[in-house]
Amino acid sequence: MMQDAGHEMKARMRADLRAAMKEGRGGDARLIRSLIAAIDKAEAPPAREGSGEAVQHHFLSGSAEVERLSLDAERVRAILLAEIEEHEQAAAEMDRLDRPDRADAIRAEARLTARYLSQS
């Protein structure tokens, strides 16, 4: 079975997450979790029209299962670039608020995220 780029990237990130947790790098672990969540969100299928009502499903019947969307490498790259841009904007805001320590930490998160661009 061919794996999509989103699934492959999340597998790499989960390996990095385990390493960060074992090494006590809590900040890296939090960032990697948020990156995995961003990819998960992009894989979610769009809501169907009229799906506002709750429907009762039977446990383990498979009736609630919805296939995730496959992401190509370009889509994964776009997600990572958006995350980097968000971090850069947050760092600029911290600079504006005269919080250079926080701005530096946010820029470090952007650099960590950028490492995944070469892997996408």
C-alpha atoms as a PDB file:
ATOM      1  CA  MET A   1       0.000   0.000   0.000  1.00  0.00           C
ATOM      2  CA  MET A   2       1.385   3.390  -0.998  1.00  0.00           C
ATOM      3  CA  GLN A   3       1.645   5.836   1.902  1.00  0.00           C
ATOM      4  CA  ASP A   4       0.918   9.487   1.319  1.00  0.00           C
ATOM      5  CA  ALA A   5       3.320  12.309   2.194  1.00  0.00           C
ATOM      6  CA  GLY A   6       1.277  13.387   5.227  1.00  0.00           C
ATOM      7  CA  HIS A   7       1.398   9.927   6.740  1.00  0.00           C
ATOM      8  CA  GLU A   8       5.130   9.637   6.092  1.00  0.00           C
ATOM      9  CA  MET A   9       5.859  13.055   7.609  1.00  0.00           C
ATOM     10  CA  LYS A  10       3.804  12.263  10.704  1.00  0.00           C
ATOM     11  CA  ALA A  11       5.734   9.000  11.124  1.00  0.00           C
ATOM     12  CA  ARG A  12       9.024  10.965  11.092  1.00  0.00           C
ATOM     13  CA  MET A  13       7.612  13.516  13.496  1.00  0.00           C
ATOM     14  CA  ARG A  14       6.369  10.826  15.880  1.00  0.00           C
ATOM     15  CA  ALA A  15       9.866   9.294  15.953  1.00  0.00           C
ATOM     16  CA  ASP A  16      11.287  12.753  16.714  1.00  0.00           C
ATOM     17  CA  LEU A  17       8.574  13.264  19.341  1.00  0.00           C
ATOM     18  CA  ARG A  18       9.562  10.048  21.134  1.00  0.00           C
ATOM     19  CA  ALA A  19      13.228  11.118  21.081  1.00  0.00           C
ATOM     20  CA  ALA A  20      12.382  14.605  22.381  1.00  0.00           C
ATOM     21  CA  MET A  21      10.333  13.134  25.217  1.00  0.00           C
ATOM     22  CA  LYS A  22      13.058  10.652  26.173  1.00  0.00           C
ATOM     23  CA  GLU A  23      15.652  13.448  26.159  1.00  0.00           C
ATOM     24  CA  GLY A  24      13.469  15.787  28.212  1.00  0.00           C
ATOM     25  CA  ARG A  25      13.075  18.394  25.470  1.00  0.00           C
ATOM     26  CA  GLY A  26       9.562  19.446  26.412  1.00  0.00           C
ATOM     27  CA  GLY A  27       9.468  22.499  24.159  1.00  0.00           C
ATOM     28  CA  ASP A  28      10.418  20.453  21.106  1.00  0.00           C
ATOM     29  CA  ALA A  29       7.833  17.824  22.043  1.00  0.00           C
ATOM     30  CA  ARG A  30       5.073  20.454  22.274  1.00  0.00           C
ATOM     31  CA  LEU A  31       6.032  21.909  18.902  1.00  0.00           C
ATOM     32  CA  ILE A  32       6.153  18.511  17.193  1.00  0.00           C
ATOM     33  CA  ARG A  33       2.736  17.634  18.630  1.00  0.00           C
ATOM     34  CA  SER A  34       1.320  20.856  17.177  1.00  0.00           C
ATOM     35  CA  LEU A  35       2.866  20.095  13.768  1.00  0.00           C
ATOM     36  CA  ILE A  36       1.323  16.613  13.786  1.00  0.00           C
ATOM     37  CA  ALA A  37      -2.023  18.194  14.690  1.00  0.00           C
ATOM     38  CA  ALA A  38      -1.734  20.646  11.780  1.00  0.00           C
ATOM     39  CA  ILE A  39      -1.213  17.763   9.347  1.00  0.00           C
ATOM     40  CA  ASP A  40      -4.046  15.793  10.979  1.00  0.00           C
ATOM     41  CA  LYS A  41      -6.335  18.785  10.516  1.00  0.00           C
ATOM     42  CA  ALA A  42      -5.440  19.027   6.825  1.00  0.00           C
ATOM     43  CA  GLU A  43      -6.209  15.312   6.390  1.00  0.00           C
ATOM     44  CA  ALA A  44      -9.714  15.695   7.819  1.00  0.00           C
ATOM     45  CA  PRO A  45     -12.390  15.458   5.142  1.00  0.00           C
ATOM     46  CA  PRO A  46     -14.677  18.466   4.767  1.00  0.00           C
ATOM     47  CA  ALA A  47     -17.930  18.383   6.710  1.00  0.00           C
ATOM     48  CA  ARG A  48     -20.900  17.154   4.713  1.00  0.00           C
ATOM     49  CA  GLU A  49     -23.912  19.357   4.092  1.00  0.00           C
ATOM     50  CA  GLY A  50     -26.606  18.873   6.704  1.00  0.00           C
ATOM     51  CA  SER A  51     -24.296  16.994   9.061  1.00  0.00           C
ATOM     52  CA  GLY A  52     -25.154  19.306  11.957  1.00  0.00           C
ATOM     53  CA  GLU A  53     -27.402  16.719  13.587  1.00  0.00           C
ATOM     54  CA  ALA A  54     -25.849  14.105  15.813  1.00  0.00           C
ATOM     55  CA  VAL A  55     -26.292  10.550  14.577  1.00  0.00           C
ATOM     56  CA  GLN A  56     -26.172   7.594  16.945  1.00  0.00           C
ATOM     57  CA  HIS A  57     -23.561   5.038  15.897  1.00  0.00           C
ATOM     58  CA  HIS A  58     -23.064   1.563  17.240  1.00  0.00           C
ATOM     59  CA  PHE A  59     -19.709   0.962  18.898  1.00  0.00           C
ATOM     60  CA  LEU A  60     -17.196  -0.798  16.596  1.00  0.00           C
ATOM     61  CA  SER A  61     -19.697  -1.010  13.733  1.00  0.00           C
ATOM     62  CA  GLY A  62     -17.458   1.092  11.502  1.00  0.00           C
ATOM     63  CA  SER A  63     -20.382   3.375  10.742  1.00  0.00           C
ATOM     64  CA  ALA A  64     -18.551   6.421  12.082  1.00  0.00           C
ATOM     65  CA  GLU A  65     -15.345   5.772  10.176  1.00  0.00           C
ATOM     66  CA  VAL A  66     -14.473   8.331   7.525  1.00  0.00           C
ATOM     67  CA  GLU A  67     -11.465   7.936   5.282  1.00  0.00           C
ATOM     68  CA  ARG A  68      -8.789  10.601   5.805  1.00  0.00           C
ATOM     69  CA  LEU A  69      -7.606  12.687   2.875  1.00  0.00           C
ATOM     70  CA  SER A  70      -4.236  11.872   1.321  1.00  0.00           C
ATOM     71  CA  LEU A  71      -1.740  14.707   1.214  1.00  0.00           C
ATOM     72  CA  ASP A  72       0.919  15.102  -1.429  1.00  0.00           C
ATOM     73  CA  ALA A  73       4.382  16.482  -0.690  1.00  0.00           C
ATOM     74  CA  GLU A  74       3.421  19.980  -1.881  1.00  0.00           C
ATOM     75  CA  ARG A  75       0.467  20.132   0.531  1.00  0.00           C
ATOM     76  CA  VAL A  76       2.663  18.993   3.451  1.00  0.00           C
ATOM     77  CA  ARG A  77       5.227  21.628   2.463  1.00  0.00           C
ATOM     78  CA  ALA A  78       2.497  24.305   2.388  1.00  0.00           C
ATOM     79  CA  ILE A  79       1.353  23.297   5.887  1.00  0.00           C
ATOM     80  CA  LEU A  80       4.899  23.545   7.237  1.00  0.00           C
ATOM     81  CA  LEU A  81       5.461  26.902   5.525  1.00  0.00           C
ATOM     82  CA  ALA A  82       2.228  28.216   7.067  1.00  0.00           C
ATOM     83  CA  GLU A  83       3.403  27.085  10.500  1.00  0.00           C
ATOM     84  CA  ILE A  84       6.754  28.828   9.992  1.00  0.00           C
ATOM     85  CA  GLU A  85       5.023  32.018   8.852  1.00  0.00           C
ATOM     86  CA  GLU A  86       2.766  31.921  11.909  1.00  0.00           C
ATOM     87  CA  HIS A  87       5.810  31.577  14.174  1.00  0.00           C
ATOM     88  CA  GLU A  88       7.622  34.413  12.433  1.00  0.00           C
ATOM     89  CA  GLN A  89       4.605  36.693  12.885  1.00  0.00           C
ATOM     90  CA  ALA A  90       4.383  35.734  16.559  1.00  0.00           C
ATOM     91  CA  ALA A  91       8.114  36.429  17.018  1.00  0.00           C
ATOM     92  CA  ALA A  92       7.716  39.843  15.378  1.00  0.00           C
ATOM     93  CA  GLU A  93       4.853  40.597  17.754  1.00  0.00           C
ATOM     94  CA  MET A  94       7.017  39.604  20.739  1.00  0.00           C
ATOM     95  CA  ASP A  95       9.740  41.943  19.446  1.00  0.00           C
ATOM     96  CA  ARG A  96       7.161  44.705  19.187  1.00  0.00           C
ATOM     97  CA  LEU A  97       6.154  44.027  22.797  1.00  0.00           C
ATOM     98  CA  ASP A  98       9.816  44.204  23.863  1.00  0.00           C
ATOM     99  CA  ARG A  99       9.994  40.485  24.711  1.00  0.00           C
ATOM    100  CA  PRO A 100      13.191  39.459  22.904  1.00  0.00           C
ATOM    101  CA  ASP A 101      13.561  36.309  25.024  1.00  0.00           C
ATOM    102  CA  ARG A 102      10.160  35.024  23.901  1.00  0.00           C
ATOM    103  CA  ALA A 103      10.805  36.139  20.306  1.00  0.00           C
ATOM    104  CA  ASP A 104      14.046  34.124  20.252  1.00  0.00           C
ATOM    105  CA  ALA A 105      12.247  31.035  21.570  1.00  0.00           C
ATOM    106  CA  ILE A 106       9.555  31.337  18.906  1.00  0.00           C
ATOM    107  CA  ARG A 107      12.176  31.766  16.182  1.00  0.00           C
ATOM    108  CA  ALA A 108      13.892  28.595  17.448  1.00  0.00           C
ATOM    109  CA  GLU A 109      10.562  26.787  16.979  1.00  0.00           C
ATOM    110  CA  ALA A 110      10.372  28.140  13.416  1.00  0.00           C
ATOM    111  CA  ARG A 111      13.890  26.809  12.737  1.00  0.00           C
ATOM    112  CA  LEU A 112      12.910  23.389  14.097  1.00  0.00           C
ATOM    113  CA  THR A 113       9.860  23.389  11.838  1.00  0.00           C
ATOM    114  CA  ALA A 114      12.018  24.390   8.856  1.00  0.00           C
ATOM    115  CA  ARG A 115      14.107  21.236   9.334  1.00  0.00           C
ATOM    116  CA  TYR A 116      11.070  19.240   8.223  1.00  0.00           C
ATOM    117  CA  LEU A 117      10.873  21.167   4.946  1.00  0.00           C
ATOM    118  CA  SER A 118      13.903  19.300   3.636  1.00  0.00           C
ATOM    119  CA  GLN A 119      12.125  16.058   4.499  1.00  0.00           C
ATOM    120  CA  SER A 120       8.854  16.887   2.751  1.00  0.00           C
END
